[in-house]
Structures are given as structure tokens and as C-alpha cells.
N, C-alpha and C. Protein backbone atom coordinates (compact mmCIF):
# COMPACT_ATOMS: atom_id res chain seq x y z
N UNK A 1 0.85 -1.18 0.00
CA UNK A 1 0.00 0.00 0.00
C UNK A 1 0.89 1.24 0.00
N UNK A 2 0.54 2.22 -0.81
CA UNK A 2 1.31 3.45 -0.90
C UNK A 2 0.99 4.43 0.22
N UNK A 3 1.90 5.34 0.43
CA UNK A 3 1.70 6.41 1.40
C UNK A 3 1.75 7.75 0.68
N UNK A 4 0.93 8.67 1.15
CA UNK A 4 0.91 10.01 0.56
C UNK A 4 1.18 11.05 1.63
N UNK A 5 1.74 12.16 1.19
CA UNK A 5 1.94 13.32 2.07
C UNK A 5 1.10 14.44 1.51
N UNK A 6 0.29 15.04 2.37
CA UNK A 6 -0.54 16.16 1.94
C UNK A 6 0.25 17.46 2.03
N UNK A 7 0.05 18.33 1.07
CA UNK A 7 0.81 19.57 0.97
C UNK A 7 0.04 20.75 1.59
N UNK A 8 -0.65 20.51 2.66
CA UNK A 8 -1.49 21.52 3.29
C UNK A 8 -0.67 22.71 3.78
N UNK A 9 0.43 22.45 4.46
CA UNK A 9 1.26 23.54 4.99
C UNK A 9 1.77 24.43 3.87
N UNK A 10 2.17 23.82 2.77
CA UNK A 10 2.69 24.60 1.64
C UNK A 10 1.64 25.53 1.07
N UNK A 11 0.45 24.99 0.82
CA UNK A 11 -0.61 25.81 0.25
C UNK A 11 -1.08 26.88 1.24
N UNK A 12 -1.16 26.53 2.52
CA UNK A 12 -1.57 27.50 3.54
C UNK A 12 -0.54 28.63 3.61
N UNK A 13 0.72 28.29 3.57
CA UNK A 13 1.79 29.29 3.62
C UNK A 13 1.72 30.23 2.42
N UNK A 14 1.47 29.68 1.24
CA UNK A 14 1.34 30.51 0.04
C UNK A 14 0.23 31.55 0.17
N UNK A 15 -0.85 31.16 0.86
CA UNK A 15 -1.99 32.05 1.05
C UNK A 15 -1.82 32.95 2.28
N UNK A 16 -0.83 32.62 3.12
CA UNK A 16 -0.64 33.38 4.36
C UNK A 16 -1.64 33.00 5.43
N UNK A 17 -2.13 31.76 5.38
CA UNK A 17 -3.14 31.28 6.32
C UNK A 17 -2.52 30.33 7.35
N UNK A 18 -3.09 30.32 8.53
CA UNK A 18 -2.75 29.32 9.54
C UNK A 18 -3.61 28.09 9.29
N UNK A 19 -3.27 26.99 9.97
CA UNK A 19 -4.12 25.79 9.84
C UNK A 19 -5.51 26.05 10.37
N UNK A 20 -5.62 26.87 11.39
CA UNK A 20 -6.94 27.22 11.94
C UNK A 20 -7.77 27.96 10.88
N UNK A 21 -7.14 28.87 10.15
CA UNK A 21 -7.84 29.59 9.09
C UNK A 21 -8.26 28.64 7.97
N UNK A 22 -7.39 27.70 7.64
CA UNK A 22 -7.74 26.71 6.61
C UNK A 22 -8.94 25.90 7.08
N UNK A 23 -8.93 25.52 8.35
CA UNK A 23 -10.06 24.77 8.91
C UNK A 23 -11.35 25.58 8.82
N UNK A 24 -11.29 26.83 9.21
CA UNK A 24 -12.48 27.69 9.17
C UNK A 24 -12.99 27.87 7.74
N UNK A 25 -12.08 28.03 6.80
CA UNK A 25 -12.46 28.27 5.40
C UNK A 25 -12.96 27.00 4.71
N UNK A 26 -12.41 25.86 5.08
CA UNK A 26 -12.73 24.61 4.37
C UNK A 26 -13.83 23.79 5.03
N UNK A 27 -13.98 23.94 6.34
CA UNK A 27 -14.94 23.10 7.05
C UNK A 27 -14.34 21.77 7.49
N UNK A 28 -13.04 21.57 7.24
CA UNK A 28 -12.35 20.37 7.70
C UNK A 28 -11.92 20.62 9.14
N UNK A 29 -12.24 19.70 10.06
CA UNK A 29 -11.88 19.93 11.46
C UNK A 29 -10.39 20.21 11.65
N UNK A 30 -10.09 21.13 12.55
CA UNK A 30 -8.71 21.53 12.82
C UNK A 30 -7.85 20.33 13.21
N UNK A 31 -8.37 19.45 14.05
CA UNK A 31 -7.57 18.29 14.49
C UNK A 31 -7.21 17.40 13.30
N UNK A 32 -8.12 17.26 12.36
CA UNK A 32 -7.85 16.47 11.15
C UNK A 32 -6.75 17.13 10.33
N UNK A 33 -6.87 18.43 10.13
CA UNK A 33 -5.85 19.17 9.37
C UNK A 33 -4.49 19.06 10.02
N UNK A 34 -4.46 19.20 11.33
CA UNK A 34 -3.19 19.13 12.06
C UNK A 34 -2.54 17.76 11.86
N UNK A 35 -3.33 16.70 11.94
CA UNK A 35 -2.80 15.36 11.73
C UNK A 35 -2.30 15.18 10.29
N UNK A 36 -3.09 15.66 9.34
CA UNK A 36 -2.69 15.56 7.93
C UNK A 36 -1.41 16.35 7.68
N UNK A 37 -1.33 17.55 8.22
CA UNK A 37 -0.20 18.45 7.95
C UNK A 37 1.11 17.95 8.55
N UNK A 38 1.05 17.30 9.70
CA UNK A 38 2.30 16.89 10.35
C UNK A 38 2.75 15.49 9.96
N UNK A 39 1.91 14.75 9.27
CA UNK A 39 2.27 13.39 8.91
C UNK A 39 3.20 13.37 7.69
N UNK A 40 4.23 12.55 7.77
CA UNK A 40 5.15 12.42 6.64
C UNK A 40 4.68 11.39 5.64
N UNK A 41 3.66 10.60 6.02
CA UNK A 41 3.10 9.62 5.10
C UNK A 41 1.83 9.01 5.64
N UNK A 42 0.75 9.16 4.90
CA UNK A 42 -0.55 8.65 5.32
C UNK A 42 -0.97 7.49 4.42
N UNK A 43 -1.59 6.47 5.01
CA UNK A 43 -2.11 5.35 4.24
C UNK A 43 -3.53 5.63 3.77
N UNK A 44 -4.28 6.39 4.57
CA UNK A 44 -5.66 6.72 4.20
C UNK A 44 -5.92 8.20 4.44
N UNK A 45 -6.76 8.75 3.56
CA UNK A 45 -7.15 10.15 3.67
C UNK A 45 -8.63 10.23 3.31
N UNK A 46 -9.38 11.04 4.01
CA UNK A 46 -10.80 11.23 3.73
C UNK A 46 -10.96 12.02 2.43
N UNK A 47 -11.62 11.42 1.44
CA UNK A 47 -11.78 12.05 0.13
C UNK A 47 -12.63 13.31 0.23
N UNK A 48 -13.60 13.33 1.10
CA UNK A 48 -14.43 14.53 1.28
C UNK A 48 -13.56 15.69 1.76
N UNK A 49 -12.65 15.42 2.67
CA UNK A 49 -11.73 16.46 3.15
C UNK A 49 -10.84 16.96 2.02
N UNK A 50 -10.33 16.03 1.20
CA UNK A 50 -9.51 16.44 0.06
C UNK A 50 -10.27 17.35 -0.88
N UNK A 51 -11.52 17.01 -1.13
CA UNK A 51 -12.35 17.82 -2.02
C UNK A 51 -12.54 19.22 -1.44
N UNK A 52 -12.84 19.31 -0.16
CA UNK A 52 -13.02 20.61 0.50
C UNK A 52 -11.73 21.43 0.46
N UNK A 53 -10.60 20.78 0.70
CA UNK A 53 -9.32 21.49 0.70
C UNK A 53 -8.96 21.97 -0.71
N UNK A 54 -9.22 21.15 -1.70
CA UNK A 54 -8.94 21.55 -3.08
C UNK A 54 -9.76 22.78 -3.45
N UNK A 55 -11.02 22.80 -3.08
CA UNK A 55 -11.86 23.97 -3.34
C UNK A 55 -11.34 25.19 -2.59
N UNK A 56 -10.96 25.01 -1.35
CA UNK A 56 -10.48 26.12 -0.53
C UNK A 56 -9.21 26.73 -1.11
N UNK A 57 -8.28 25.88 -1.54
CA UNK A 57 -7.01 26.37 -2.10
C UNK A 57 -7.11 26.67 -3.60
N UNK A 58 -8.24 26.32 -4.21
CA UNK A 58 -8.47 26.52 -5.64
C UNK A 58 -7.41 25.78 -6.46
N UNK A 59 -7.24 24.49 -6.13
CA UNK A 59 -6.31 23.62 -6.84
C UNK A 59 -7.01 22.29 -7.15
N UNK A 60 -6.40 21.48 -7.98
CA UNK A 60 -6.90 20.14 -8.23
C UNK A 60 -6.56 19.24 -7.05
N UNK A 61 -7.37 18.23 -6.82
CA UNK A 61 -7.09 17.28 -5.74
C UNK A 61 -5.69 16.69 -5.91
N UNK A 62 -5.31 16.40 -7.15
CA UNK A 62 -4.00 15.81 -7.41
C UNK A 62 -2.86 16.71 -6.94
N UNK A 63 -3.10 18.00 -6.89
CA UNK A 63 -2.06 18.95 -6.45
C UNK A 63 -1.85 18.93 -4.94
N UNK A 64 -2.82 18.38 -4.21
CA UNK A 64 -2.77 18.41 -2.75
C UNK A 64 -1.85 17.36 -2.13
N UNK A 65 -1.47 16.35 -2.88
CA UNK A 65 -0.68 15.28 -2.28
C UNK A 65 0.49 14.89 -3.17
N UNK A 66 1.43 14.23 -2.53
CA UNK A 66 2.52 13.60 -3.27
C UNK A 66 2.71 12.21 -2.71
N UNK A 67 3.05 11.28 -3.58
CA UNK A 67 3.27 9.90 -3.15
C UNK A 67 4.69 9.80 -2.58
N UNK A 68 4.78 9.34 -1.35
CA UNK A 68 6.10 9.25 -0.70
C UNK A 68 6.60 7.82 -0.62
N UNK A 69 5.70 6.86 -0.82
CA UNK A 69 6.10 5.45 -0.81
C UNK A 69 5.07 4.66 -1.58
N UNK A 70 5.53 3.83 -2.50
CA UNK A 70 4.60 3.00 -3.29
C UNK A 70 4.46 1.64 -2.68
């Protein structure tokens, strides 16, 4: 099973937003964002959260993650 790293911190930094602001803007719980942002590799990610984050950052879902292990 592959692992992915979410690029939340990078996109938030580009916008000048904190994780709390991203949470408020996206509707994704802060604790979820914090876990996603600090993890170096996740096996599972909530697709609904990815969709909300992509809309919030105005990017494609594919832009939100990178594969760190196949």
C-alpha cells in the first residue's frame, strides 16, 4: 500500500493562512488538518476532506498530495 503526504502547509503558507484559518475556510476539522499536515506519510485520507481542501485552495485534488512510498 502506498503512502501520501498532503501539501497543506505549503498551500496555507502561500496564502498566508494558519491551519486554523484553513479549517475555518474549508470546514475540515482543525484536528484532522493538524494530523494531515504533520504526517510524513498517510495510508488513508478522507476524500471529502480532500475535495473541500482543493476547493479552498483553488487547486486540483491531485495537487494536494505527493506519493512518498509506493
